[in-house]
Amino acid sequence: MTHTEDIETIEKVLKGDTEAFSEIIKKYQNMIFRYVYSKFYNYDEAQDITQDIFIMAIEALNSFRRESKFSTWLYSIMVNYCKNYHKKSRRYNTIPINIARGEDEYELQLPDERQKPEDEIINSDSLRIVKEEIDKLPDDYREILLMRDIEGMSYNEISQLLKINLSNVKVRIHRGREFLKNRLFSRGLI
């Protein structure tokens, strides 16, 4: 589906054909899922977040002004959603415990200190180290490397999304890669 086809599909959705949005979902769900999973490393959580992002996109579709590609607009929704979700989830990880007293039932949030199966996989030394070092990168470098190297976005798309010029995009990508390479070298990974 090209940019023009995206626009045509969006027009159908805005005219009431909400089923047409499934074409958008089919085209972009893998990209969004990969990005979300790379942020949270939890399969079920990544699926839920991916679904939430599409819900947000369809609800905000009338605000898409066609000044940039639809994929860039959708990517910005995804990045912002993940940032906000990450901020909320960093405050506390809890698990709900239901308590029944008579006919009343209460939900109590307790700290979740269990190790998740995904965490065991991430704890393999090299993967854990790479993730740690990517997470330690300054925000500008981390985001731009995810956009370019994980999502395969073009330099122009990144430039539009971040509202920075093309040469600045290239410089940040180069510096981010060098920064990461040096950090991995100092940890003995390369």
C-alpha atoms as a PDB file:
ATOM      1  CA  MET A   1       0.000   0.000   0.000  1.00  0.00           C
ATOM      2  CA  THR A   2       1.542   3.282  -1.112  1.00  0.00           C
ATOM      3  CA  HIS A   3       1.115   6.691   0.484  1.00  0.00           C
ATOM      4  CA  THR A   4      -1.654   7.453  -2.032  1.00  0.00           C
ATOM      5  CA  GLU A   5      -3.402   4.201  -1.144  1.00  0.00           C
ATOM      6  CA  ASP A   6      -3.097   5.095   2.554  1.00  0.00           C
ATOM      7  CA  ILE A   7      -4.820   8.421   1.852  1.00  0.00           C
ATOM      8  CA  GLU A   8      -7.583   6.706  -0.128  1.00  0.00           C
ATOM      9  CA  THR A   9      -8.139   4.230   2.697  1.00  0.00           C
ATOM     10  CA  ILE A  10      -8.227   7.051   5.254  1.00  0.00           C
ATOM     11  CA  GLU A  11     -10.825   8.870   3.156  1.00  0.00           C
ATOM     12  CA  LYS A  12     -12.994   5.726   3.170  1.00  0.00           C
ATOM     13  CA  VAL A  13     -12.699   5.448   6.949  1.00  0.00           C
ATOM     14  CA  LEU A  14     -13.549   9.117   7.455  1.00  0.00           C
ATOM     15  CA  LYS A  15     -16.640   8.641   5.272  1.00  0.00           C
ATOM     16  CA  GLY A  16     -17.864   5.910   7.599  1.00  0.00           C
ATOM     17  CA  ASP A  17     -16.298   2.728   6.231  1.00  0.00           C
ATOM     18  CA  THR A  18     -14.528   1.715   9.439  1.00  0.00           C
ATOM     19  CA  GLU A  19     -13.838  -1.765   8.010  1.00  0.00           C
ATOM     20  CA  ALA A  20     -11.388  -0.134   5.601  1.00  0.00           C
ATOM     21  CA  PHE A  21      -9.142   0.635   8.573  1.00  0.00           C
ATOM     22  CA  SER A  22      -8.281  -3.081   8.680  1.00  0.00           C
ATOM     23  CA  GLU A  23      -6.110  -2.452   5.592  1.00  0.00           C
ATOM     24  CA  ILE A  24      -4.097   0.088   7.592  1.00  0.00           C
ATOM     25  CA  ILE A  25      -3.804  -2.352  10.488  1.00  0.00           C
ATOM     26  CA  LYS A  26      -2.559  -5.150   8.202  1.00  0.00           C
ATOM     27  CA  LYS A  27       0.054  -2.866   6.688  1.00  0.00           C
ATOM     28  CA  TYR A  28       1.434  -1.360   9.915  1.00  0.00           C
ATOM     29  CA  GLN A  29       0.770  -3.864  12.706  1.00  0.00           C
ATOM     30  CA  ASN A  30       4.118  -5.646  12.406  1.00  0.00           C
ATOM     31  CA  MET A  31       6.086  -2.392  12.414  1.00  0.00           C
ATOM     32  CA  ILE A  32       4.247  -1.134  15.482  1.00  0.00           C
ATOM     33  CA  PHE A  33       4.456  -4.445  17.314  1.00  0.00           C
ATOM     34  CA  ARG A  34       8.223  -4.730  16.700  1.00  0.00           C
ATOM     35  CA  TYR A  35       8.818  -1.214  17.996  1.00  0.00           C
ATOM     36  CA  VAL A  36       6.622  -1.722  21.080  1.00  0.00           C
ATOM     37  CA  TYR A  37       8.174  -5.106  21.829  1.00  0.00           C
ATOM     38  CA  SER A  38      11.652  -3.588  21.552  1.00  0.00           C
ATOM     39  CA  LYS A  39      10.630  -1.116  24.269  1.00  0.00           C
ATOM     40  CA  PHE A  40       8.902  -3.444  26.752  1.00  0.00           C
ATOM     41  CA  TYR A  41      10.043  -7.030  25.940  1.00  0.00           C
ATOM     42  CA  ASN A  42       6.678  -8.503  26.892  1.00  0.00           C
ATOM     43  CA  TYR A  43       4.724 -10.209  24.107  1.00  0.00           C
ATOM     44  CA  ASP A  44       1.236  -9.868  25.603  1.00  0.00           C
ATOM     45  CA  GLU A  45       1.829  -6.307  26.729  1.00  0.00           C
ATOM     46  CA  ALA A  46       3.172  -5.405  23.273  1.00  0.00           C
ATOM     47  CA  GLN A  47       0.038  -6.839  21.657  1.00  0.00           C
ATOM     48  CA  ASP A  48      -2.204  -4.808  23.973  1.00  0.00           C
ATOM     49  CA  ILE A  49      -0.222  -1.620  23.383  1.00  0.00           C
ATOM     50  CA  THR A  50      -0.263  -2.182  19.620  1.00  0.00           C
ATOM     51  CA  GLN A  51      -4.045  -2.480  19.745  1.00  0.00           C
ATOM     52  CA  ASP A  52      -4.293   0.675  21.879  1.00  0.00           C
ATOM     53  CA  ILE A  53      -2.172   2.586  19.367  1.00  0.00           C
ATOM     54  CA  PHE A  54      -4.495   1.622  16.508  1.00  0.00           C
ATOM     55  CA  ILE A  55      -7.509   2.634  18.583  1.00  0.00           C
ATOM     56  CA  MET A  56      -5.895   6.009  19.257  1.00  0.00           C
ATOM     57  CA  ALA A  57      -5.067   6.376  15.560  1.00  0.00           C
ATOM     58  CA  ILE A  58      -8.603   5.690  14.356  1.00  0.00           C
ATOM     59  CA  GLU A  59     -10.031   8.045  16.989  1.00  0.00           C
ATOM     60  CA  ALA A  60      -7.613  10.801  15.930  1.00  0.00           C
ATOM     61  CA  LEU A  61      -7.773  10.106  12.206  1.00  0.00           C
ATOM     62  CA  ASN A  62      -9.620  13.330  11.436  1.00  0.00           C
ATOM     63  CA  SER A  63      -6.616  15.252  12.829  1.00  0.00           C
ATOM     64  CA  PHE A  64      -4.284  13.765  10.181  1.00  0.00           C
ATOM     65  CA  ARG A  65      -3.574  16.800   7.976  1.00  0.00           C
ATOM     66  CA  ARG A  66      -1.760  15.008   5.156  1.00  0.00           C
ATOM     67  CA  GLU A  67       1.283  17.305   5.510  1.00  0.00           C
ATOM     68  CA  SER A  68       3.460  14.241   6.021  1.00  0.00           C
ATOM     69  CA  LYS A  69       3.154  10.572   5.197  1.00  0.00           C
ATOM     70  CA  PHE A  70       0.540   8.633   7.135  1.00  0.00           C
ATOM     71  CA  SER A  71       3.245   6.267   8.380  1.00  0.00           C
ATOM     72  CA  THR A  72       5.116   9.203   9.929  1.00  0.00           C
ATOM     73  CA  TRP A  73       1.944  10.439  11.634  1.00  0.00           C
ATOM     74  CA  LEU A  74       1.193   6.934  12.946  1.00  0.00           C
ATOM     75  CA  TYR A  75       4.796   6.531  14.095  1.00  0.00           C
ATOM     76  CA  SER A  76       4.579   9.735  16.136  1.00  0.00           C
ATOM     77  CA  ILE A  77       1.422   8.439  17.850  1.00  0.00           C
ATOM     78  CA  MET A  78       3.237   5.192  18.620  1.00  0.00           C
ATOM     79  CA  VAL A  79       6.357   6.869  20.002  1.00  0.00           C
ATOM     80  CA  ASN A  80       4.355   9.258  22.196  1.00  0.00           C
ATOM     81  CA  TYR A  81       2.097   6.487  23.467  1.00  0.00           C
ATOM     82  CA  CYS A  82       5.108   4.353  24.407  1.00  0.00           C
ATOM     83  CA  LYS A  83       6.837   7.246  26.166  1.00  0.00           C
ATOM     84  CA  ASN A  84       3.729   7.978  28.224  1.00  0.00           C
ATOM     85  CA  TYR A  85       3.114   4.293  28.926  1.00  0.00           C
ATOM     86  CA  HIS A  86       6.742   3.833  29.960  1.00  0.00           C
ATOM     87  CA  LYS A  87       6.540   6.789  32.353  1.00  0.00           C
ATOM     88  CA  LYS A  88       3.415   5.327  33.975  1.00  0.00           C
ATOM     89  CA  SER A  89       4.812   1.817  34.224  1.00  0.00           C
ATOM     90  CA  ARG A  90       8.102   3.032  35.728  1.00  0.00           C
ATOM     91  CA  ARG A  91       6.264   4.532  38.684  1.00  0.00           C
ATOM     92  CA  TYR A  92       5.187   1.147  39.929  1.00  0.00           C
ATOM     93  CA  ASN A  93       4.619  -2.409  38.793  1.00  0.00           C
ATOM     94  CA  THR A  94       1.713  -3.927  40.654  1.00  0.00           C
ATOM     95  CA  ILE A  95      -0.495  -6.957  40.512  1.00  0.00           C
ATOM     96  CA  PRO A  96      -4.158  -6.872  41.447  1.00  0.00           C
ATOM     97  CA  ILE A  97      -5.307  -9.073  44.311  1.00  0.00           C
ATOM     98  CA  ASN A  98      -9.034  -9.545  44.745  1.00  0.00           C
ATOM     99  CA  ILE A  99     -10.247  -9.675  48.334  1.00  0.00           C
ATOM    100  CA  ALA A 100     -13.772 -10.713  49.206  1.00  0.00           C
ATOM    101  CA  ARG A 101     -15.434  -9.555  52.416  1.00  0.00           C
ATOM    102  CA  GLY A 102     -18.933 -10.810  52.632  1.00  0.00           C
ATOM    103  CA  GLU A 103     -20.666  -9.793  49.428  1.00  0.00           C
ATOM    104  CA  ASP A 104     -18.203  -6.982  48.684  1.00  0.00           C
ATOM    105  CA  GLU A 105     -15.112  -7.566  46.616  1.00  0.00           C
ATOM    106  CA  TYR A 106     -12.095  -5.247  46.646  1.00  0.00           C
ATOM    107  CA  GLU A 107      -9.084  -5.047  44.418  1.00  0.00           C
ATOM    108  CA  LEU A 108      -5.789  -4.390  46.146  1.00  0.00           C
ATOM    109  CA  GLN A 109      -2.678  -3.419  44.162  1.00  0.00           C
ATOM    110  CA  LEU A 110       0.495  -5.056  45.509  1.00  0.00           C
ATOM    111  CA  PRO A 111       4.041  -4.612  44.207  1.00  0.00           C
ATOM    112  CA  ASP A 112       4.894  -7.228  41.571  1.00  0.00           C
ATOM    113  CA  GLU A 113       8.273  -8.698  42.424  1.00  0.00           C
ATOM    114  CA  ARG A 114       7.951 -11.850  40.325  1.00  0.00           C
ATOM    115  CA  GLN A 115      10.414 -12.454  37.548  1.00  0.00           C
ATOM    116  CA  LYS A 116       8.696 -12.701  34.180  1.00  0.00           C
ATOM    117  CA  PRO A 117       9.708 -15.456  31.738  1.00  0.00           C
ATOM    118  CA  GLU A 118      10.662 -12.741  29.230  1.00  0.00           C
ATOM    119  CA  ASP A 119      13.103 -11.352  31.800  1.00  0.00           C
ATOM    120  CA  GLU A 120      14.885 -14.707  31.965  1.00  0.00           C
ATOM    121  CA  ILE A 121      15.459 -14.599  28.206  1.00  0.00           C
ATOM    122  CA  ILE A 122      16.661 -10.985  28.343  1.00  0.00           C
ATOM    123  CA  ASN A 123      19.072 -11.910  31.121  1.00  0.00           C
ATOM    124  CA  SER A 124      21.238 -13.883  28.746  1.00  0.00           C
ATOM    125  CA  ASP A 125      24.467 -11.924  29.026  1.00  0.00           C
ATOM    126  CA  SER A 126      24.920 -10.409  25.594  1.00  0.00           C
ATOM    127  CA  LEU A 127      21.278  -9.508  25.030  1.00  0.00           C
ATOM    128  CA  ARG A 128      21.017  -8.031  28.504  1.00  0.00           C
ATOM    129  CA  ILE A 129      24.142  -5.956  27.991  1.00  0.00           C
ATOM    130  CA  VAL A 130      22.990  -4.640  24.601  1.00  0.00           C
ATOM    131  CA  LYS A 131      19.595  -3.690  26.017  1.00  0.00           C
ATOM    132  CA  GLU A 132      21.218  -1.988  29.014  1.00  0.00           C
ATOM    133  CA  GLU A 133      23.526   0.004  26.804  1.00  0.00           C
ATOM    134  CA  ILE A 134      20.756   1.034  24.404  1.00  0.00           C
ATOM    135  CA  ASP A 135      18.642   2.123  27.370  1.00  0.00           C
ATOM    136  CA  LYS A 136      21.571   4.177  28.710  1.00  0.00           C
ATOM    137  CA  LEU A 137      21.961   6.102  25.466  1.00  0.00           C
ATOM    138  CA  PRO A 138      20.780   9.715  25.588  1.00  0.00           C
ATOM    139  CA  ASP A 139      17.142   9.965  24.454  1.00  0.00           C
ATOM    140  CA  ASP A 140      18.014  11.643  21.141  1.00  0.00           C
ATOM    141  CA  TYR A 141      20.376   8.846  20.141  1.00  0.00           C
ATOM    142  CA  ARG A 142      18.226   5.990  21.456  1.00  0.00           C
ATOM    143  CA  GLU A 143      15.059   7.135  19.648  1.00  0.00           C
ATOM    144  CA  ILE A 144      16.793   7.864  16.370  1.00  0.00           C
ATOM    145  CA  LEU A 145      18.602   4.499  16.365  1.00  0.00           C
ATOM    146  CA  LEU A 146      15.333   2.679  17.027  1.00  0.00           C
ATOM    147  CA  MET A 147      13.692   4.586  14.179  1.00  0.00           C
ATOM    148  CA  ARG A 148      16.484   3.890  11.713  1.00  0.00           C
ATOM    149  CA  ASP A 149      17.938   0.521  12.706  1.00  0.00           C
ATOM    150  CA  ILE A 150      14.933  -1.262  14.201  1.00  0.00           C
ATOM    151  CA  GLU A 151      12.065   0.209  12.198  1.00  0.00           C
ATOM    152  CA  GLY A 152      14.000   0.925   9.022  1.00  0.00           C
ATOM    153  CA  MET A 153      12.619   4.430   8.644  1.00  0.00           C
ATOM    154  CA  SER A 154      14.253   6.581   5.994  1.00  0.00           C
ATOM    155  CA  TYR A 155      16.340   9.599   6.881  1.00  0.00           C
ATOM    156  CA  ASN A 156      13.635  11.831   5.382  1.00  0.00           C
ATOM    157  CA  GLU A 157      10.888  10.225   7.482  1.00  0.00           C
ATOM    158  CA  ILE A 158      12.964  10.666  10.630  1.00  0.00           C
ATOM    159  CA  SER A 159      13.669  14.270   9.669  1.00  0.00           C
ATOM    160  CA  GLN A 160       9.940  14.984   9.263  1.00  0.00           C
ATOM    161  CA  LEU A 161       8.956  13.177  12.439  1.00  0.00           C
ATOM    162  CA  LEU A 162      11.567  14.808  14.656  1.00  0.00           C
ATOM    163  CA  LYS A 163      11.362  18.155  12.838  1.00  0.00           C
ATOM    164  CA  ILE A 164      15.131  18.357  12.372  1.00  0.00           C
ATOM    165  CA  ASN A 165      17.109  18.786   9.162  1.00  0.00           C
ATOM    166  CA  LEU A 166      18.488  15.839   7.237  1.00  0.00           C
ATOM    167  CA  SER A 167      22.134  16.475   8.067  1.00  0.00           C
ATOM    168  CA  ASN A 168      21.287  16.583  11.773  1.00  0.00           C
ATOM    169  CA  VAL A 169      19.525  13.200  11.421  1.00  0.00           C
ATOM    170  CA  LYS A 170      22.632  11.701   9.830  1.00  0.00           C
ATOM    171  CA  VAL A 171      24.922  13.173  12.477  1.00  0.00           C
ATOM    172  CA  ARG A 172      22.762  11.861  15.345  1.00  0.00           C
ATOM    173  CA  ILE A 173      22.583   8.391  13.820  1.00  0.00           C
ATOM    174  CA  HIS A 174      26.341   8.301  13.293  1.00  0.00           C
ATOM    175  CA  ARG A 175      27.077   9.572  16.808  1.00  0.00           C
ATOM    176  CA  GLY A 176      24.492   7.246  18.354  1.00  0.00           C
ATOM    177  CA  ARG A 177      26.020   4.224  16.632  1.00  0.00           C
ATOM    178  CA  GLU A 178      29.529   5.257  17.651  1.00  0.00           C
ATOM    179  CA  PHE A 179      28.382   5.870  21.224  1.00  0.00           C
ATOM    180  CA  LEU A 180      26.740   2.427  21.368  1.00  0.00           C
ATOM    181  CA  LYS A 181      29.720   0.717  19.714  1.00  0.00           C
ATOM    182  CA  ASN A 182      32.133   2.244  22.255  1.00  0.00           C
ATOM    183  CA  ARG A 183      29.913   1.247  25.170  1.00  0.00           C
ATOM    184  CA  LEU A 184      29.622  -2.345  23.882  1.00  0.00           C
ATOM    185  CA  PHE A 185      33.379  -2.476  23.298  1.00  0.00           C
ATOM    186  CA  SER A 186      34.049  -1.341  26.870  1.00  0.00           C
ATOM    187  CA  ARG A 187      31.757  -4.122  28.123  1.00  0.00           C
ATOM    188  CA  GLY A 188      33.674  -6.698  26.082  1.00  0.00           C
ATOM    189  CA  LEU A 189      30.827  -7.483  23.710  1.00  0.00           C
ATOM    190  CA  ILE A 190      32.607  -6.446  20.504  1.00  0.00           C
END
